[in-house]
Amino acid sequence: SMNEDCKMLFDIKMFNKNVGFACAASSEDVTKANAVILKT
């Protein structure tokens, strides 16, 4: 689960097995949601 990091997830790009990015949103309520990018 990634619900502590974000509430919606849309895309992922991994450079290698460790480093990558995920496209997300801050809330499941679109009226309150911000666009979010996460890195691992």
Full PDB file with SEQRES, HELIX, SHEET, SSBOND, CRYST1, ORIGX, SCALE, CONECT and MASTER records, all heavy atoms in Angstrom:
SEQRES   1 A   40  SER MET ASN GLU ASP CYS LYS MET LEU PHE ASP ILE LYS          
SEQRES   2 A   40  MET PHE ASN LYS ASN VAL GLY PHE ALA CYS ALA ALA SER          
SEQRES   3 A   40  SER GLU ASP VAL THR LYS ALA ASN ALA VAL ILE LEU LYS          
SEQRES   4 A   40  THR                                                          
SHEET    1 AA1 3 MET A   8  MET A  14  0                                        
SHEET    2 AA1 3 GLY A  20  ALA A  25 -1                                        
SHEET    3 AA1 3 ALA A  35  LYS A  39 -1                                        
CRYST1    1.000    1.000    1.000  90.00  90.00  90.00 P 1           1          
ORIGX1      1.000000  0.000000  0.000000        0.00000                         
ORIGX2      0.000000  1.000000  0.000000        0.00000                         
ORIGX3      0.000000  0.000000  1.000000        0.00000                         
SCALE1      1.000000  0.000000  0.000000        0.00000                         
SCALE2      0.000000  1.000000  0.000000        0.00000                         
SCALE3      0.000000  0.000000  1.000000        0.00000                         
ATOM      1  N   SER A   1       0.838  -1.193   0.000  1.00  0.00           N  
ATOM      2  CA  SER A   1       0.000   0.000   0.000  1.00  0.00           C  
ATOM      3  C   SER A   1       0.872   1.241   0.000  1.00  0.00           C  
ATOM      4  O   SER A   1       1.893   1.303   0.679  1.00  0.00           O  
ATOM      5  CB  SER A   1      -0.907   0.016   1.234  1.00  0.00           C  
ATOM      6  OG  SER A   1      -1.595   1.258   1.320  1.00  0.00           O  
ATOM      7  N   MET A   2       0.453   2.255  -0.783  1.00  0.00           N  
ATOM      8  CA  MET A   2       1.141   3.542  -0.798  1.00  0.00           C  
ATOM      9  C   MET A   2       0.220   4.672  -0.342  1.00  0.00           C  
ATOM     10  O   MET A   2       0.464   5.844  -0.637  1.00  0.00           O  
ATOM     11  CB  MET A   2       1.713   3.831  -2.187  1.00  0.00           C  
ATOM     12  CG  MET A   2       2.940   2.995  -2.511  1.00  0.00           C  
ATOM     13  SD  MET A   2       3.669   3.381  -4.130  1.00  0.00           S  
ATOM     14  CE  MET A   2       4.013   5.134  -3.978  1.00  0.00           C  
ATOM     15  N   ASN A   3      -0.830   4.331   0.380  1.00  0.00           N  
ATOM     16  CA  ASN A   3      -1.803   5.337   0.808  1.00  0.00           C  
ATOM     17  C   ASN A   3      -1.231   6.366   1.774  1.00  0.00           C  
ATOM     18  O   ASN A   3      -1.817   7.442   1.935  1.00  0.00           O  
ATOM     19  CB  ASN A   3      -3.026   4.659   1.435  1.00  0.00           C  
ATOM     20  CG  ASN A   3      -4.028   4.218   0.384  1.00  0.00           C  
ATOM     21  OD1 ASN A   3      -4.217   4.884  -0.627  1.00  0.00           O  
ATOM     22  ND2 ASN A   3      -4.664   3.083   0.622  1.00  0.00           N  
ATOM     23  N   GLU A   4      -0.113   6.069   2.423  1.00  0.00           N  
ATOM     24  CA  GLU A   4       0.511   7.072   3.283  1.00  0.00           C  
ATOM     25  C   GLU A   4       1.302   8.095   2.474  1.00  0.00           C  
ATOM     26  O   GLU A   4       1.582   9.190   2.964  1.00  0.00           O  
ATOM     27  CB  GLU A   4       1.425   6.393   4.306  1.00  0.00           C  
ATOM     28  CG  GLU A   4       0.684   5.549   5.328  1.00  0.00           C  
ATOM     29  CD  GLU A   4       1.612   4.996   6.391  1.00  0.00           C  
ATOM     30  OE1 GLU A   4       2.821   5.327   6.348  1.00  0.00           O  
ATOM     31  OE2 GLU A   4       1.137   4.241   7.261  1.00  0.00           O  
ATOM     32  N   ASP A   5       1.640   7.756   1.232  1.00  0.00           N  
ATOM     33  CA  ASP A   5       2.413   8.649   0.373  1.00  0.00           C  
ATOM     34  C   ASP A   5       1.528   9.472  -0.555  1.00  0.00           C  
ATOM     35  O   ASP A   5       1.872  10.599  -0.924  1.00  0.00           O  
ATOM     36  CB  ASP A   5       3.408   7.853  -0.466  1.00  0.00           C  
ATOM     37  CG  ASP A   5       4.356   7.035   0.384  1.00  0.00           C  
ATOM     38  OD1 ASP A   5       5.176   7.643   1.082  1.00  0.00           O  
ATOM     39  OD2 ASP A   5       4.268   5.793   0.341  1.00  0.00           O  
ATOM     40  N   CYS A   6       0.402   8.901  -0.961  1.00  0.00           N  
ATOM     41  CA  CYS A   6      -0.504   9.549  -1.904  1.00  0.00           C  
ATOM     42  C   CYS A   6      -1.831   8.803  -1.852  1.00  0.00           C  
ATOM     43  O   CYS A   6      -1.965   7.823  -1.114  1.00  0.00           O  
ATOM     44  CB  CYS A   6       0.074   9.530  -3.315  1.00  0.00           C  
ATOM     45  SG  CYS A   6       0.371   7.847  -3.933  1.00  0.00           S  
ATOM     46  N   LYS A   7      -2.798   9.259  -2.661  1.00  0.00           N  
ATOM     47  CA  LYS A   7      -4.108   8.603  -2.664  1.00  0.00           C  
ATOM     48  C   LYS A   7      -4.489   8.018  -4.019  1.00  0.00           C  
ATOM     49  O   LYS A   7      -5.390   7.192  -4.096  1.00  0.00           O  
ATOM     50  CB  LYS A   7      -5.185   9.596  -2.216  1.00  0.00           C  
ATOM     51  CG  LYS A   7      -4.985  10.115  -0.794  1.00  0.00           C  
ATOM     52  CD  LYS A   7      -4.910   8.978   0.219  1.00  0.00           C  
ATOM     53  CE  LYS A   7      -4.700   9.509   1.631  1.00  0.00           C  
ATOM     54  NZ  LYS A   7      -4.526   8.412   2.624  1.00  0.00           N  
ATOM     55  N   MET A   8      -3.820   8.460  -5.074  1.00  0.00           N  
ATOM     56  CA  MET A   8      -4.028   7.889  -6.408  1.00  0.00           C  
ATOM     57  C   MET A   8      -2.675   7.773  -7.098  1.00  0.00           C  
ATOM     58  O   MET A   8      -1.783   8.583  -6.859  1.00  0.00           O  
ATOM     59  CB  MET A   8      -4.964   8.768  -7.254  1.00  0.00           C  
ATOM     60  CG  MET A   8      -6.396   8.813  -6.779  1.00  0.00           C  
ATOM     61  SD  MET A   8      -7.500   9.643  -7.976  1.00  0.00           S  
ATOM     62  CE  MET A   8      -7.409  11.346  -7.400  1.00  0.00           C  
ATOM     63  N   LEU A   9      -2.536   6.765  -7.973  1.00  0.00           N  
ATOM     64  CA  LEU A   9      -1.304   6.551  -8.725  1.00  0.00           C  
ATOM     65  C   LEU A   9      -1.637   6.285 -10.186  1.00  0.00           C  
ATOM     66  O   LEU A   9      -2.556   5.518 -10.489  1.00  0.00           O  
ATOM     67  CB  LEU A   9      -0.516   5.369  -8.151  1.00  0.00           C  
ATOM     68  CG  LEU A   9       0.289   5.649  -6.877  1.00  0.00           C  
ATOM     69  CD1 LEU A   9       0.684   4.353  -6.200  1.00  0.00           C  
ATOM     70  CD2 LEU A   9       1.535   6.464  -7.211  1.00  0.00           C  
ATOM     71  N   PHE A  10      -0.842   6.894 -11.093  1.00  0.00           N  
ATOM     72  CA  PHE A  10      -1.190   6.855 -12.511  1.00  0.00           C  
ATOM     73  C   PHE A  10      -0.092   6.335 -13.427  1.00  0.00           C  
ATOM     74  O   PHE A  10      -0.383   5.812 -14.501  1.00  0.00           O  
ATOM     75  CB  PHE A  10      -1.570   8.266 -12.972  1.00  0.00           C  
ATOM     76  CG  PHE A  10      -2.534   8.949 -12.064  1.00  0.00           C  
ATOM     77  CD1 PHE A  10      -2.111   9.953 -11.215  1.00  0.00           C  
ATOM     78  CD2 PHE A  10      -3.873   8.584 -12.031  1.00  0.00           C  
ATOM     79  CE1 PHE A  10      -2.996  10.595 -10.364  1.00  0.00           C  
ATOM     80  CE2 PHE A  10      -4.766   9.218 -11.181  1.00  0.00           C  
ATOM     81  CZ  PHE A  10      -4.328  10.224 -10.337  1.00  0.00           C  
ATOM     82  N   ASP A  11       1.178   6.521 -13.057  1.00  0.00           N  
ATOM     83  CA  ASP A  11       2.253   6.104 -13.950  1.00  0.00           C  
ATOM     84  C   ASP A  11       3.518   5.882 -13.132  1.00  0.00           C  
ATOM     85  O   ASP A  11       3.642   6.381 -12.004  1.00  0.00           O  
ATOM     86  CB  ASP A  11       2.512   7.167 -15.025  1.00  0.00           C  
ATOM     87  CG  ASP A  11       3.205   6.593 -16.263  1.00  0.00           C  
ATOM     88  OD1 ASP A  11       3.353   5.356 -16.350  1.00  0.00           O  
ATOM     89  OD2 ASP A  11       3.595   7.373 -17.147  1.00  0.00           O  
ATOM     90  N   ILE A  12       4.458   5.117 -13.718  1.00  0.00           N  
ATOM     91  CA  ILE A  12       5.729   4.848 -13.048  1.00  0.00           C  
ATOM     92  C   ILE A  12       6.834   4.758 -14.091  1.00  0.00           C  
ATOM     93  O   ILE A  12       6.631   4.237 -15.189  1.00  0.00           O  
ATOM     94  CB  ILE A  12       5.679   3.558 -12.209  1.00  0.00           C  
ATOM     95  CG1 ILE A  12       6.986   3.361 -11.434  1.00  0.00           C  
ATOM     96  CG2 ILE A  12       5.327   2.347 -13.065  1.00  0.00           C  
ATOM     97  CD1 ILE A  12       6.906   2.305 -10.353  1.00  0.00           C  
ATOM     98  N   LYS A  13       7.998   5.304 -13.735  1.00  0.00           N  
ATOM     99  CA  LYS A  13       9.190   5.207 -14.569  1.00  0.00           C  
ATOM    100  C   LYS A  13      10.369   4.867 -13.673  1.00  0.00           C  
ATOM    101  O   LYS A  13      10.696   5.611 -12.743  1.00  0.00           O  
ATOM    102  CB  LYS A  13       9.454   6.530 -15.292  1.00  0.00           C  
ATOM    103  CG  LYS A  13      10.815   6.613 -15.974  1.00  0.00           C  
ATOM    104  CD  LYS A  13      11.002   5.524 -17.026  1.00  0.00           C  
ATOM    105  CE  LYS A  13      12.410   5.615 -17.643  1.00  0.00           C  
ATOM    106  NZ  LYS A  13      12.629   4.530 -18.629  1.00  0.00           N  
ATOM    107  N   MET A  14      11.028   3.722 -13.945  1.00  0.00           N  
ATOM    108  CA  MET A  14      12.187   3.297 -13.171  1.00  0.00           C  
ATOM    109  C   MET A  14      13.444   3.398 -14.028  1.00  0.00           C  
ATOM    110  O   MET A  14      13.491   2.879 -15.145  1.00  0.00           O  
ATOM    111  CB  MET A  14      12.001   1.870 -12.676  1.00  0.00           C  
ATOM    112  CG  MET A  14      10.810   1.663 -11.752  1.00  0.00           C  
ATOM    113  SD  MET A  14      10.911   2.550 -10.177  1.00  0.00           S  
ATOM    114  CE  MET A  14      12.335   1.752  -9.400  1.00  0.00           C  
ATOM    115  N   PHE A  15      14.478   4.075 -13.516  1.00  0.00           N  
ATOM    116  CA  PHE A  15      15.763   4.144 -14.201  1.00  0.00           C  
ATOM    117  C   PHE A  15      16.531   2.836 -14.063  1.00  0.00           C  
ATOM    118  O   PHE A  15      17.227   2.396 -14.973  1.00  0.00           O  
ATOM    119  CB  PHE A  15      16.617   5.269 -13.627  1.00  0.00           C  
ATOM    120  CG  PHE A  15      16.127   6.643 -13.971  1.00  0.00           C  
ATOM    121  CD1 PHE A  15      16.417   7.718 -13.155  1.00  0.00           C  
ATOM    122  CD2 PHE A  15      15.383   6.879 -15.112  1.00  0.00           C  
ATOM    123  CE1 PHE A  15      15.991   8.993 -13.473  1.00  0.00           C  
ATOM    124  CE2 PHE A  15      14.943   8.147 -15.441  1.00  0.00           C  
ATOM    125  CZ  PHE A  15      15.246   9.208 -14.620  1.00  0.00           C  
ATOM    126  N   ASN A  16      16.448   2.243 -12.893  1.00  0.00           N  
ATOM    127  CA  ASN A  16      17.077   0.967 -12.597  1.00  0.00           C  
ATOM    128  C   ASN A  16      16.248   0.300 -11.519  1.00  0.00           C  
ATOM    129  O   ASN A  16      15.150   0.772 -11.202  1.00  0.00           O  
ATOM    130  CB  ASN A  16      18.543   1.155 -12.168  1.00  0.00           C  
ATOM    131  CG  ASN A  16      18.688   2.164 -11.037  1.00  0.00           C  
ATOM    132  OD1 ASN A  16      18.049   2.037  -9.988  1.00  0.00           O  
ATOM    133  ND2 ASN A  16      19.526   3.179 -11.235  1.00  0.00           N  
ATOM    134  N   LYS A  17      16.724  -0.782 -10.926  1.00  0.00           N  
ATOM    135  CA  LYS A  17      15.894  -1.519  -9.977  1.00  0.00           C  
ATOM    136  C   LYS A  17      15.654  -0.752  -8.680  1.00  0.00           C  
ATOM    137  O   LYS A  17      14.796  -1.152  -7.875  1.00  0.00           O  
ATOM    138  CB  LYS A  17      16.507  -2.882  -9.671  1.00  0.00           C  
ATOM    139  CG  LYS A  17      17.829  -2.835  -8.947  1.00  0.00           C  
ATOM    140  CD  LYS A  17      18.344  -4.247  -8.675  1.00  0.00           C  
ATOM    141  CE  LYS A  17      19.669  -4.222  -7.922  1.00  0.00           C  
ATOM    142  NZ  LYS A  17      20.169  -5.590  -7.655  1.00  0.00           N  
ATOM    143  N   ASN A  18      16.373   0.351  -8.462  1.00  0.00           N  
ATOM    144  CA  ASN A  18      16.226   1.110  -7.225  1.00  0.00           C  
ATOM    145  C   ASN A  18      15.606   2.489  -7.414  1.00  0.00           C  
ATOM    146  O   ASN A  18      14.800   2.924  -6.588  1.00  0.00           O  
ATOM    147  CB  ASN A  18      17.589   1.275  -6.541  1.00  0.00           C  
ATOM    148  CG  ASN A  18      18.151  -0.035  -6.042  1.00  0.00           C  
ATOM    149  OD1 ASN A  18      17.441  -0.842  -5.459  1.00  0.00           O  
ATOM    150  ND2 ASN A  18      19.432  -0.259  -6.285  1.00  0.00           N  
ATOM    151  N   VAL A  19      15.999   3.205  -8.459  1.00  0.00           N  
ATOM    152  CA  VAL A  19      15.646   4.617  -8.608  1.00  0.00           C  
ATOM    153  C   VAL A  19      14.533   4.797  -9.631  1.00  0.00           C  
ATOM    154  O   VAL A  19      14.627   4.302 -10.763  1.00  0.00           O  
ATOM    155  CB  VAL A  19      16.873   5.444  -9.025  1.00  0.00           C  
ATOM    156  CG1 VAL A  19      16.490   6.920  -9.183  1.00  0.00           C  
ATOM    157  CG2 VAL A  19      17.992   5.290  -8.012  1.00  0.00           C  
ATOM    158  N   GLY A  20      13.490   5.516  -9.218  1.00  0.00           N  
ATOM    159  CA  GLY A  20      12.396   5.772 -10.144  1.00  0.00           C  
ATOM    160  C   GLY A  20      11.411   6.791  -9.617  1.00  0.00           C  
ATOM    161  O   GLY A  20      11.560   7.322  -8.511  1.00  0.00           O  
ATOM    162  N   PHE A  21      10.372   7.038 -10.417  1.00  0.00           N  
ATOM    163  CA  PHE A  21       9.383   8.075 -10.125  1.00  0.00           C  
ATOM    164  C   PHE A  21       7.968   7.548 -10.352  1.00  0.00           C  
ATOM    165  O   PHE A  21       7.748   6.700 -11.211  1.00  0.00           O  
ATOM    166  CB  PHE A  21       9.627   9.297 -11.008  1.00  0.00           C  
ATOM    167  CG  PHE A  21      10.950   9.950 -10.748  1.00  0.00           C  
ATOM    168  CD1 PHE A  21      12.091   9.509 -11.411  1.00  0.00           C  
ATOM    169  CD2 PHE A  21      11.060  10.985  -9.837  1.00  0.00           C  
ATOM    170  CE1 PHE A  21      13.320  10.096 -11.171  1.00  0.00           C  
ATOM    171  CE2 PHE A  21      12.285  11.576  -9.590  1.00  0.00           C  
ATOM    172  CZ  PHE A  21      13.418  11.134 -10.253  1.00  0.00           C  
ATOM    173  N   ALA A  22       7.035   8.094  -9.584  1.00  0.00           N  
ATOM    174  CA  ALA A  22       5.627   7.744  -9.737  1.00  0.00           C  
ATOM    175  C   ALA A  22       4.800   9.008  -9.851  1.00  0.00           C  
ATOM    176  O   ALA A  22       5.050  10.000  -9.148  1.00  0.00           O  
ATOM    177  CB  ALA A  22       5.146   6.913  -8.552  1.00  0.00           C  
ATOM    178  N   CYS A  23       3.822   8.992 -10.744  1.00  0.00           N  
ATOM    179  CA  CYS A  23       2.865  10.089 -10.897  1.00  0.00           C  
ATOM    180  C   CYS A  23       1.671   9.813  -9.991  1.00  0.00           C  
ATOM    181  O   CYS A  23       1.098   8.716 -10.024  1.00  0.00           O  
ATOM    182  CB  CYS A  23       2.401  10.193 -12.340  1.00  0.00           C  
ATOM    183  SG  CYS A  23       3.710  10.618 -13.497  1.00  0.00           S  
ATOM    184  N   ALA A  24       1.270  10.829  -9.209  1.00  0.00           N  
ATOM    185  CA  ALA A  24       0.283  10.590  -8.163  1.00  0.00           C  
ATOM    186  C   ALA A  24      -0.610  11.811  -7.954  1.00  0.00           C  
ATOM    187  O   ALA A  24      -0.468  12.835  -8.632  1.00  0.00           O  
ATOM    188  CB  ALA A  24       1.001  10.231  -6.857  1.00  0.00           C  
ATOM    189  N   ALA A  25      -1.514  11.684  -6.989  1.00  0.00           N  
ATOM    190  CA  ALA A  25      -2.360  12.786  -6.541  1.00  0.00           C  
ATOM    191  C   ALA A  25      -2.453  12.732  -5.025  1.00  0.00           C  
ATOM    192  O   ALA A  25      -2.372  11.656  -4.417  1.00  0.00           O  
ATOM    193  CB  ALA A  25      -3.745  12.720  -7.169  1.00  0.00           C  
ATOM    194  N   SER A  26      -2.654  13.886  -4.412  1.00  0.00           N  
ATOM    195  CA  SER A  26      -2.598  13.994  -2.952  1.00  0.00           C  
ATOM    196  C   SER A  26      -3.881  13.556  -2.267  1.00  0.00           C  
ATOM    197  O   SER A  26      -3.874  13.261  -1.074  1.00  0.00           O  
ATOM    198  CB  SER A  26      -2.285  15.440  -2.553  1.00  0.00           C  
ATOM    199  OG  SER A  26      -3.321  16.313  -3.010  1.00  0.00           O  
ATOM    200  N   SER A  27      -4.998  13.515  -2.987  1.00  0.00           N  
ATOM    201  CA  SER A  27      -6.291  13.188  -2.379  1.00  0.00           C  
ATOM    202  C   SER A  27      -7.129  12.383  -3.350  1.00  0.00           C  
ATOM    203  O   SER A  27      -7.017  12.543  -4.571  1.00  0.00           O  
ATOM    204  CB  SER A  27      -7.033  14.471  -1.991  1.00  0.00           C  
ATOM    205  OG  SER A  27      -8.339  14.184  -1.529  1.00  0.00           O  
ATOM    206  N   GLU A  28      -7.981  11.512  -2.802  1.00  0.00           N  
ATOM    207  CA  GLU A  28      -8.933  10.796  -3.646  1.00  0.00           C  
ATOM    208  C   GLU A  28     -10.108  11.680  -4.032  1.00  0.00           C  
ATOM    209  O   GLU A  28     -10.869  11.363  -4.943  1.00  0.00           O  
ATOM    210  CB  GLU A  28      -9.426   9.525  -2.959  1.00  0.00           C  
ATOM    211  CG  GLU A  28     -10.258   9.768  -1.715  1.00  0.00           C  
ATOM    212  CD  GLU A  28      -9.418   9.836  -0.448  1.00  0.00           C  
ATOM    213  OE1 GLU A  28      -8.225  10.166  -0.532  1.00  0.00           O  
ATOM    214  OE2 GLU A  28      -9.976   9.557   0.636  1.00  0.00           O  
ATOM    215  N   ASP A  29     -10.281  12.804  -3.332  1.00  0.00           N  
ATOM    216  CA  ASP A  29     -11.310  13.796  -3.634  1.00  0.00           C  
ATOM    217  C   ASP A  29     -10.720  14.787  -4.634  1.00  0.00           C  
ATOM    218  O   ASP A  29      -9.862  15.601  -4.285  1.00  0.00           O  
ATOM    219  CB  ASP A  29     -11.731  14.514  -2.355  1.00  0.00           C  
ATOM    220  CG  ASP A  29     -12.834  15.535  -2.587  1.00  0.00           C  
ATOM    221  OD1 ASP A  29     -13.152  15.836  -3.765  1.00  0.00           O  
ATOM    222  OD2 ASP A  29     -13.386  16.039  -1.582  1.00  0.00           O  
ATOM    223  N   VAL A  30     -11.161  14.729  -5.886  1.00  0.00           N  
ATOM    224  CA  VAL A  30     -10.540  15.538  -6.926  1.00  0.00           C  
ATOM    225  C   VAL A  30     -10.687  17.027  -6.654  1.00  0.00           C  
ATOM    226  O   VAL A  30      -9.853  17.838  -7.084  1.00  0.00           O  
ATOM    227  CB  VAL A  30     -11.114  15.177  -8.309  1.00  0.00           C  
ATOM    228  CG1 VAL A  30     -12.552  15.646  -8.455  1.00  0.00           C  
ATOM    229  CG2 VAL A  30     -10.244  15.733  -9.432  1.00  0.00           C  
ATOM    230  N   THR A  31     -11.710  17.441  -5.903  1.00  0.00           N  
ATOM    231  CA  THR A  31     -11.883  18.863  -5.606  1.00  0.00           C  
ATOM    232  C   THR A  31     -10.782  19.383  -4.682  1.00  0.00           C  
ATOM    233  O   THR A  31     -10.537  20.584  -4.615  1.00  0.00           O  
ATOM    234  CB  THR A  31     -13.247  19.134  -4.966  1.00  0.00           C  
ATOM    235  OG1 THR A  31     -13.295  18.534  -3.657  1.00  0.00           O  
ATOM    236  CG2 THR A  31     -14.369  18.570  -5.814  1.00  0.00           C  
ATOM    237  N   LYS A  32     -10.108  18.468  -3.973  1.00  0.00           N  
ATOM    238  CA  LYS A  32      -9.043  18.840  -3.053  1.00  0.00           C  
ATOM    239  C   LYS A  32      -7.666  18.379  -3.533  1.00  0.00           C  
ATOM    240  O   LYS A  32      -6.658  18.706  -2.901  1.00  0.00           O  
ATOM    241  CB  LYS A  32      -9.311  18.237  -1.673  1.00  0.00           C  
ATOM    242  CG  LYS A  32     -10.630  18.672  -1.047  1.00  0.00           C  
ATOM    243  CD  LYS A  32     -10.862  17.941   0.266  1.00  0.00           C  
ATOM    244  CE  LYS A  32     -12.197  18.332   0.875  1.00  0.00           C  
ATOM    245  NZ  LYS A  32     -12.471  17.593   2.137  1.00  0.00           N  
ATOM    246  N   ALA A  33      -7.621  17.647  -4.611  1.00  0.00           N  
ATOM    247  CA  ALA A  33      -6.382  16.982  -5.021  1.00  0.00           C  
ATOM    248  C   ALA A  33      -5.381  17.951  -5.623  1.00  0.00           C  
ATOM    249  O   ALA A  33      -5.724  18.862  -6.381  1.00  0.00           O  
ATOM    250  CB  ALA A  33      -6.697  15.878  -6.022  1.00  0.00           C  
ATOM    251  N   ASN A  34      -4.100  17.731  -5.295  1.00  0.00           N  
ATOM    252  CA  ASN A  34      -2.962  18.373  -5.960  1.00  0.00           C  
ATOM    253  C   ASN A  34      -2.212  17.319  -6.760  1.00  0.00           C  
ATOM    254  O   ASN A  34      -2.190  16.141  -6.398  1.00  0.00           O  
ATOM    255  CB  ASN A  34      -1.991  18.981  -4.961  1.00  0.00           C  
ATOM    256  CG  ASN A  34      -2.616  20.019  -4.060  1.00  0.00           C  
ATOM    257  OD1 ASN A  34      -2.338  20.040  -2.872  1.00  0.00           O  
ATOM    258  ND2 ASN A  34      -3.470  20.888  -4.590  1.00  0.00           N  
ATOM    259  N   ALA A  35      -1.569  17.770  -7.824  1.00  0.00           N  
ATOM    260  CA  ALA A  35      -0.684  16.889  -8.587  1.00  0.00           C  
ATOM    261  C   ALA A  35       0.587  16.621  -7.792  1.00  0.00           C  
ATOM    262  O   ALA A  35       1.159  17.530  -7.199  1.00  0.00           O  
ATOM    263  CB  ALA A  35      -0.339  17.528  -9.924  1.00  0.00           C  
ATOM    264  N   VAL A  36       1.033  15.350  -7.766  1.00  0.00           N  
ATOM    265  CA  VAL A  36       2.175  14.938  -6.949  1.00  0.00           C  
ATOM    266  C   VAL A  36       3.104  14.050  -7.773  1.00  0.00           C  
ATOM    267  O   VAL A  36       2.641  13.202  -8.543  1.00  0.00           O  
ATOM    268  CB  VAL A  36       1.703  14.182  -5.685  1.00  0.00           C  
ATOM    269  CG1 VAL A  36       2.884  13.536  -4.958  1.00  0.00           C  
ATOM    270  CG2 VAL A  36       0.951  15.115  -4.748  1.00  0.00           C  
ATOM    271  N   ILE A  37       4.412  14.264  -7.591  1.00  0.00           N  
ATOM    272  CA  ILE A  37       5.425  13.359  -8.150  1.00  0.00           C  
ATOM    273  C   ILE A  37       6.238  12.809  -6.990  1.00  0.00           C  
ATOM    274  O   ILE A  37       6.703  13.565  -6.129  1.00  0.00           O  
ATOM    275  CB  ILE A  37       6.349  14.072  -9.147  1.00  0.00           C  
ATOM    276  CG1 ILE A  37       5.536  14.656 -10.302  1.00  0.00           C  
ATOM    277  CG2 ILE A  37       7.402  13.098  -9.694  1.00  0.00           C  
ATOM    278  CD1 ILE A  37       6.351  15.534 -11.241  1.00  0.00           C  
ATOM    279  N   LEU A  38       6.412  11.481  -6.963  1.00  0.00           N  
ATOM    280  CA  LEU A  38       7.153  10.795  -5.913  1.00  0.00           C  
ATOM    281  C   LEU A  38       8.415  10.159  -6.488  1.00  0.00           C  
ATOM    282  O   LEU A  38       8.434   9.725  -7.642  1.00  0.00           O  
ATOM    283  CB  LEU A  38       6.287   9.712  -5.269  1.00  0.00           C  
ATOM    284  CG  LEU A  38       4.969  10.165  -4.652  1.00  0.00           C  
ATOM    285  CD1 LEU A  38       4.126   8.956  -4.275  1.00  0.00           C  
ATOM    286  CD2 LEU A  38       5.201  11.054  -3.433  1.00  0.00           C  
ATOM    287  N   LYS A  39       9.465  10.082  -5.643  1.00  0.00           N  
ATOM    288  CA  LYS A  39      10.716   9.449  -6.049  1.00  0.00           C  
ATOM    289  C   LYS A  39      11.099   8.359  -5.059  1.00  0.00           C  
ATOM    290  O   LYS A  39      10.933   8.525  -3.849  1.00  0.00           O  
ATOM    291  CB  LYS A  39      11.853  10.483  -6.119  1.00  0.00           C  
ATOM    292  CG  LYS A  39      13.199   9.871  -6.538  1.00  0.00           C  
ATOM    293  CD  LYS A  39      14.301  10.911  -6.616  1.00  0.00           C  
ATOM    294  CE  LYS A  39      15.618  10.270  -7.069  1.00  0.00           C  
ATOM    295  NZ  LYS A  39      16.715  11.263  -7.169  1.00  0.00           N  
ATOM    296  N   THR A  40      11.602   7.238  -5.585  1.00  0.00           N  
ATOM    297  CA  THR A  40      12.137   6.173  -4.738  1.00  0.00           C  
ATOM    298  C   THR A  40      13.602   5.939  -5.089  1.00  0.00           C  
ATOM    299  O   THR A  40      14.001   6.073  -6.250  1.00  0.00           O  
ATOM    300  CB  THR A  40      11.346   4.863  -4.905  1.00  0.00           C  
ATOM    301  OG1 THR A  40      11.885   3.868  -4.025  1.00  0.00           O  
ATOM    302  CG2 THR A  40      11.410   4.345  -6.335  1.00  0.00           C  
TER     303      THR A  40                                                      
MASTER        0    0    0    0    3    0    0    6  302    1    0    4          
END                                                                             
